[in-house]
C-alpha atoms as a PDB file:
ATOM      1  CA  MET A   1      34.480  44.385-135.984  1.00  0.00           C
ATOM      2  CA  ASN A   2      32.792  41.762-138.019  1.00  0.00           C
ATOM      3  CA  GLN A   3      33.924  38.339-137.165  1.00  0.00           C
ATOM      4  CA  GLY A   4      31.796  36.395-139.693  1.00  0.00           C
ATOM      5  CA  ILE A   5      29.765  33.759-137.797  1.00  0.00           C
ATOM      6  CA  SER A   6      29.215  34.330-134.316  1.00  0.00           C
ATOM      7  CA  PHE A   7      29.069  31.721-131.545  1.00  0.00           C
ATOM      8  CA  PHE A   8      25.184  31.930-131.430  1.00  0.00           C
ATOM      9  CA  GLY A   9      24.953  31.753-135.123  1.00  0.00           C
ATOM     10  CA  MET A  10      27.181  28.615-135.338  1.00  0.00           C
ATOM     11  CA  PHE A  11      25.140  27.116-132.268  1.00  0.00           C
ATOM     12  CA  SER A  12      21.887  27.705-134.058  1.00  0.00           C
ATOM     13  CA  MET A  13      23.078  26.033-137.280  1.00  0.00           C
ATOM     14  CA  LEU A  14      24.333  23.099-135.196  1.00  0.00           C
ATOM     15  CA  SER A  15      21.116  22.795-133.340  1.00  0.00           C
ATOM     16  CA  ILE A  16      19.210  22.805-136.845  1.00  0.00           C
ATOM     17  CA  ILE A  17      21.536  19.995-138.127  1.00  0.00           C
ATOM     18  CA  VAL A  18      20.958  17.887-134.814  1.00  0.00           C
ATOM     19  CA  TYR A  19      17.275  18.391-135.062  1.00  0.00           C
ATOM     20  CA  GLY A  20      17.302  17.122-138.587  1.00  0.00           C
ATOM     21  CA  LEU A  21      19.276  14.284-137.772  1.00  0.00           C
ATOM     22  CA  PHE A  22      16.952  13.229-135.043  1.00  0.00           C
ATOM     23  CA  ALA A  23      14.011  13.930-137.283  1.00  0.00           C
ATOM     24  CA  LEU A  24      15.475  11.450-139.967  1.00  0.00           C
ATOM     25  CA  LEU A  25      16.375   9.022-137.131  1.00  0.00           C
ATOM     26  CA  GLY A  26      12.737   9.108-136.183  1.00  0.00           C
ATOM     27  CA  LEU A  27      11.510   8.421-139.609  1.00  0.00           C
ATOM     28  CA  TYR A  28      13.872   5.551-140.052  1.00  0.00           C
ATOM     29  CA  ALA A  29      12.565   4.021-136.744  1.00  0.00           C
ATOM     30  CA  LEU A  30       9.025   4.364-138.018  1.00  0.00           C
ATOM     31  CA  TYR A  31      10.035   2.665-141.291  1.00  0.00           C
ATOM     32  CA  LEU A  32      11.579  -0.285-139.404  1.00  0.00           C
ATOM     33  CA  LEU A  33       8.544  -0.404-137.069  1.00  0.00           C
ATOM     34  CA  ILE A  34       6.290  -0.761-140.043  1.00  0.00           C
ATOM     35  CA  LYS A  35       8.347  -3.405-141.573  1.00  0.00           C
ATOM     36  CA  LEU A  36       8.305  -5.275-138.294  1.00  0.00           C
ATOM     37  CA  MET A  37       4.538  -5.101-137.798  1.00  0.00           C
ATOM     38  CA  ILE A  38       4.073  -6.370-141.515  1.00  0.00           C
ATOM     39  CA  ARG A  39       6.279  -9.299-140.617  1.00  0.00           C
ATOM     40  CA  ALA A  40       4.414  -9.880-137.298  1.00  0.00           C
ATOM     41  CA  ILE A  41       1.027  -9.835-139.138  1.00  0.00           C
ATOM     42  CA  THR A  42       2.243 -12.341-141.779  1.00  0.00           C
ATOM     43  CA  ALA A  43       3.523 -14.509-139.001  1.00  0.00           C
ATOM     44  CA  LEU A  44       0.413 -14.352-137.019  1.00  0.00           C
ATOM     45  CA  GLU A  45      -1.738 -15.259-140.206  1.00  0.00           C
ATOM     46  CA  LEU A  46       0.510 -18.256-140.829  1.00  0.00           C
ATOM     47  CA  TYR A  47       0.055 -19.381-137.213  1.00  0.00           C
ATOM     48  CA  ILE A  48      -3.644 -18.997-137.342  1.00  0.00           C
ATOM     49  CA  ASP A  49      -3.852 -20.891-140.764  1.00  0.00           C
ATOM     50  CA  GLU A  50      -1.688 -23.569-139.463  1.00  0.00           C
ATOM     51  CA  LYS A  51      -3.707 -24.009-136.307  1.00  0.00           C
ATOM     52  CA  ARG A  52      -7.089 -24.219-138.338  1.00  0.00           C
ATOM     53  CA  ASN A  53      -5.815 -26.755-140.753  1.00  0.00           C
ATOM     54  CA  ARG A  54      -4.616 -29.011-137.968  1.00  0.00           C
ATOM     55  CA  ARG A  55      -8.104 -29.208-136.464  1.00  0.00           C
ATOM     56  CA  LEU A  56      -9.551 -30.211-139.796  1.00  0.00           C
END
C-alpha cells in the first residue's frame, strides 16, 4: 500500500518552495531598498551642495 508521495509530504515540499520564494522576494526587496537609499543620499547631497553654492 505504498502510494509514493503522500498528501502531507507534498504539502511540506510545497510549503518549503513557498518559504523559499518569500525569502527570495524579501532579499530582492532589500536590494531595491538599498538602491533607493543610495539614490536618495545622492539626491540629498546634490540638494545640499546646490543650496550652499547659491548662498556664496
